[in-house]
Amino acid sequence: MRLRVEFTTEPFDLEEAPAHAVAAREVIQKAQLDAVDVGPFGNTAEGEAAEVLDAVAALLRGSLRAGATRVSLQVNVIGEDAQ
Protein backbone atom coordinates (compact mmCIF):
# COMPACT_ATOMS: atom_id res chain seq x y z
CA MET A 1 0.00 0.00 0.00
CA ARG A 2 1.23 3.49 -0.84
CA LEU A 3 0.49 6.53 1.28
CA ARG A 4 0.76 10.30 0.89
CA VAL A 5 1.35 12.43 3.97
CA GLU A 6 0.74 16.17 4.12
CA PHE A 7 1.79 18.08 7.22
CA THR A 8 2.43 21.47 8.78
CA THR A 9 3.91 22.47 12.11
CA GLU A 10 3.10 25.52 14.19
CA PRO A 11 3.67 28.18 15.38
CA PHE A 12 4.51 29.85 12.09
CA ASP A 13 7.36 32.31 11.71
CA LEU A 14 7.35 34.33 8.51
CA GLU A 15 10.93 35.56 8.99
CA GLU A 16 12.69 32.19 9.13
CA ALA A 17 11.87 28.51 9.46
CA PRO A 18 11.41 27.63 13.14
CA ALA A 19 13.39 24.76 14.65
CA HIS A 20 10.32 22.50 14.75
CA ALA A 21 9.69 22.98 11.03
CA VAL A 22 13.33 22.28 10.21
CA ALA A 23 13.29 19.13 12.37
CA ALA A 24 10.17 17.79 10.64
CA ARG A 25 11.51 18.53 7.17
CA GLU A 26 14.84 16.87 7.93
CA VAL A 27 13.07 13.69 9.01
CA ILE A 28 11.02 13.59 5.82
CA GLN A 29 13.97 14.40 3.57
CA LYS A 30 16.10 11.65 5.16
CA ALA A 31 13.34 9.00 5.04
CA GLN A 32 13.08 6.53 2.18
CA LEU A 33 10.13 8.36 0.61
CA ASP A 34 9.22 9.49 -2.90
CA ALA A 35 7.89 12.78 -4.20
CA VAL A 36 9.05 14.84 -1.21
CA ASP A 37 7.96 18.47 -1.47
CA VAL A 38 8.72 20.92 1.33
CA GLY A 39 7.37 24.44 1.43
CA PRO A 40 6.78 27.31 3.84
CA PHE A 41 3.18 26.38 4.68
CA GLY A 42 2.93 22.69 3.87
CA ASN A 43 4.94 19.60 3.11
CA THR A 44 4.10 16.38 1.29
CA ALA A 45 5.74 13.03 0.71
CA GLU A 46 4.73 9.66 -0.70
CA GLY A 47 5.96 6.15 -0.17
CA GLU A 48 5.26 2.66 0.98
CA ALA A 49 3.03 2.51 4.05
CA ALA A 50 5.66 1.25 6.49
CA GLU A 51 8.14 3.96 5.54
CA VAL A 52 5.54 6.74 5.64
CA LEU A 53 4.23 5.65 9.03
CA ASP A 54 7.77 5.40 10.46
CA ALA A 55 8.56 8.87 9.10
CA VAL A 56 5.34 10.31 10.57
CA ALA A 57 6.21 8.95 14.01
CA ALA A 58 9.71 10.39 13.78
CA LEU A 59 8.53 13.79 12.55
CA LEU A 60 6.00 14.02 15.39
CA ARG A 61 8.66 13.20 17.99
CA GLY A 62 11.24 15.52 16.44
CA SER A 63 9.02 18.52 15.80
CA LEU A 64 7.33 18.39 19.23
CA ARG A 65 10.73 18.07 20.92
CA ALA A 66 11.91 21.10 18.89
CA GLY A 67 9.04 23.31 20.08
CA ALA A 68 6.02 22.67 17.86
CA THR A 69 2.76 23.50 19.60
CA ARG A 70 0.65 21.93 16.87
CA VAL A 71 1.25 19.43 14.09
CA SER A 72 -1.45 19.02 11.48
CA LEU A 73 -1.23 16.04 9.20
CA GLN A 74 -3.27 14.10 6.75
CA VAL A 75 -2.49 10.63 5.44
CA ASN A 76 -4.14 9.32 2.27
CA VAL A 77 -3.99 5.95 0.56
CA ILE A 78 -2.91 6.49 -3.05
CA GLY A 79 -2.77 4.33 -6.13
CA GLU A 80 -4.59 1.05 -6.61
CA ASP A 81 -5.37 0.65 -2.89
CA ALA A 82 -7.28 3.94 -2.77
CA GLN A 83 -10.57 2.41 -3.98
C-alpha atoms as a PDB file:
ATOM      1  CA  MET A   1       0.000   0.000   0.000  1.00  0.00           C
ATOM      2  CA  ARG A   2       1.226   3.487  -0.837  1.00  0.00           C
ATOM      3  CA  LEU A   3       0.490   6.533   1.277  1.00  0.00           C
ATOM      4  CA  ARG A   4       0.759  10.297   0.889  1.00  0.00           C
ATOM      5  CA  VAL A   5       1.352  12.426   3.972  1.00  0.00           C
ATOM      6  CA  GLU A   6       0.745  16.168   4.121  1.00  0.00           C
ATOM      7  CA  PHE A   7       1.794  18.077   7.222  1.00  0.00           C
ATOM      8  CA  THR A   8       2.434  21.474   8.781  1.00  0.00           C
ATOM      9  CA  THR A   9       3.909  22.472  12.112  1.00  0.00           C
ATOM     10  CA  GLU A  10       3.099  25.516  14.194  1.00  0.00           C
ATOM     11  CA  PRO A  11       3.666  28.175  15.378  1.00  0.00           C
ATOM     12  CA  PHE A  12       4.509  29.846  12.086  1.00  0.00           C
ATOM     13  CA  ASP A  13       7.364  32.305  11.712  1.00  0.00           C
ATOM     14  CA  LEU A  14       7.348  34.333   8.514  1.00  0.00           C
ATOM     15  CA  GLU A  15      10.934  35.557   8.989  1.00  0.00           C
ATOM     16  CA  GLU A  16      12.691  32.187   9.130  1.00  0.00           C
ATOM     17  CA  ALA A  17      11.871  28.507   9.458  1.00  0.00           C
ATOM     18  CA  PRO A  18      11.410  27.627  13.140  1.00  0.00           C
ATOM     19  CA  ALA A  19      13.393  24.760  14.648  1.00  0.00           C
ATOM     20  CA  HIS A  20      10.323  22.501  14.752  1.00  0.00           C
ATOM     21  CA  ALA A  21       9.689  22.976  11.030  1.00  0.00           C
ATOM     22  CA  VAL A  22      13.325  22.276  10.206  1.00  0.00           C
ATOM     23  CA  ALA A  23      13.288  19.133  12.367  1.00  0.00           C
ATOM     24  CA  ALA A  24      10.167  17.786  10.641  1.00  0.00           C
ATOM     25  CA  ARG A  25      11.514  18.531   7.167  1.00  0.00           C
ATOM     26  CA  GLU A  26      14.842  16.870   7.927  1.00  0.00           C
ATOM     27  CA  VAL A  27      13.071  13.690   9.010  1.00  0.00           C
ATOM     28  CA  ILE A  28      11.022  13.587   5.817  1.00  0.00           C
ATOM     29  CA  GLN A  29      13.968  14.395   3.569  1.00  0.00           C
ATOM     30  CA  LYS A  30      16.100  11.649   5.159  1.00  0.00           C
ATOM     31  CA  ALA A  31      13.344   9.003   5.038  1.00  0.00           C
ATOM     32  CA  GLN A  32      13.085   6.535   2.180  1.00  0.00           C
ATOM     33  CA  LEU A  33      10.132   8.362   0.614  1.00  0.00           C
ATOM     34  CA  ASP A  34       9.224   9.487  -2.901  1.00  0.00           C
ATOM     35  CA  ALA A  35       7.895  12.782  -4.199  1.00  0.00           C
ATOM     36  CA  VAL A  36       9.045  14.840  -1.212  1.00  0.00           C
ATOM     37  CA  ASP A  37       7.964  18.475  -1.475  1.00  0.00           C
ATOM     38  CA  VAL A  38       8.716  20.917   1.335  1.00  0.00           C
ATOM     39  CA  GLY A  39       7.375  24.438   1.430  1.00  0.00           C
ATOM     40  CA  PRO A  40       6.783  27.311   3.842  1.00  0.00           C
ATOM     41  CA  PHE A  41       3.175  26.379   4.680  1.00  0.00           C
ATOM     42  CA  GLY A  42       2.930  22.690   3.869  1.00  0.00           C
ATOM     43  CA  ASN A  43       4.940  19.598   3.112  1.00  0.00           C
ATOM     44  CA  THR A  44       4.103  16.376   1.287  1.00  0.00           C
ATOM     45  CA  ALA A  45       5.743  13.026   0.711  1.00  0.00           C
ATOM     46  CA  GLU A  46       4.726   9.659  -0.698  1.00  0.00           C
ATOM     47  CA  GLY A  47       5.957   6.153  -0.169  1.00  0.00           C
ATOM     48  CA  GLU A  48       5.256   2.656   0.982  1.00  0.00           C
ATOM     49  CA  ALA A  49       3.027   2.511   4.050  1.00  0.00           C
ATOM     50  CA  ALA A  50       5.657   1.251   6.493  1.00  0.00           C
ATOM     51  CA  GLU A  51       8.143   3.958   5.543  1.00  0.00           C
ATOM     52  CA  VAL A  52       5.536   6.744   5.644  1.00  0.00           C
ATOM     53  CA  LEU A  53       4.234   5.648   9.033  1.00  0.00           C
ATOM     54  CA  ASP A  54       7.766   5.401  10.465  1.00  0.00           C
ATOM     55  CA  ALA A  55       8.559   8.869   9.102  1.00  0.00           C
ATOM     56  CA  VAL A  56       5.335  10.312  10.571  1.00  0.00           C
ATOM     57  CA  ALA A  57       6.205   8.947  14.014  1.00  0.00           C
ATOM     58  CA  ALA A  58       9.713  10.386  13.782  1.00  0.00           C
ATOM     59  CA  LEU A  59       8.532  13.790  12.547  1.00  0.00           C
ATOM     60  CA  LEU A  60       6.004  14.024  15.389  1.00  0.00           C
ATOM     61  CA  ARG A  61       8.664  13.199  17.986  1.00  0.00           C
ATOM     62  CA  GLY A  62      11.242  15.518  16.443  1.00  0.00           C
ATOM     63  CA  SER A  63       9.018  18.521  15.804  1.00  0.00           C
ATOM     64  CA  LEU A  64       7.335  18.391  19.225  1.00  0.00           C
ATOM     65  CA  ARG A  65      10.725  18.070  20.916  1.00  0.00           C
ATOM     66  CA  ALA A  66      11.907  21.099  18.886  1.00  0.00           C
ATOM     67  CA  GLY A  67       9.038  23.312  20.079  1.00  0.00           C
ATOM     68  CA  ALA A  68       6.018  22.672  17.861  1.00  0.00           C
ATOM     69  CA  THR A  69       2.759  23.498  19.596  1.00  0.00           C
ATOM     70  CA  ARG A  70       0.645  21.928  16.870  1.00  0.00           C
ATOM     71  CA  VAL A  71       1.255  19.430  14.094  1.00  0.00           C
ATOM     72  CA  SER A  72      -1.453  19.022  11.483  1.00  0.00           C
ATOM     73  CA  LEU A  73      -1.234  16.040   9.202  1.00  0.00           C
ATOM     74  CA  GLN A  74      -3.271  14.102   6.754  1.00  0.00           C
ATOM     75  CA  VAL A  75      -2.495  10.629   5.444  1.00  0.00           C
ATOM     76  CA  ASN A  76      -4.138   9.320   2.273  1.00  0.00           C
ATOM     77  CA  VAL A  77      -3.989   5.949   0.558  1.00  0.00           C
ATOM     78  CA  ILE A  78      -2.907   6.488  -3.048  1.00  0.00           C
ATOM     79  CA  GLY A  79      -2.768   4.334  -6.132  1.00  0.00           C
ATOM     80  CA  GLU A  80      -4.592   1.048  -6.610  1.00  0.00           C
ATOM     81  CA  ASP A  81      -5.370   0.653  -2.890  1.00  0.00           C
ATOM     82  CA  ALA A  82      -7.281   3.943  -2.773  1.00  0.00           C
ATOM     83  CA  GLN A  83     -10.566   2.410  -3.984  1.00  0.00           C
END
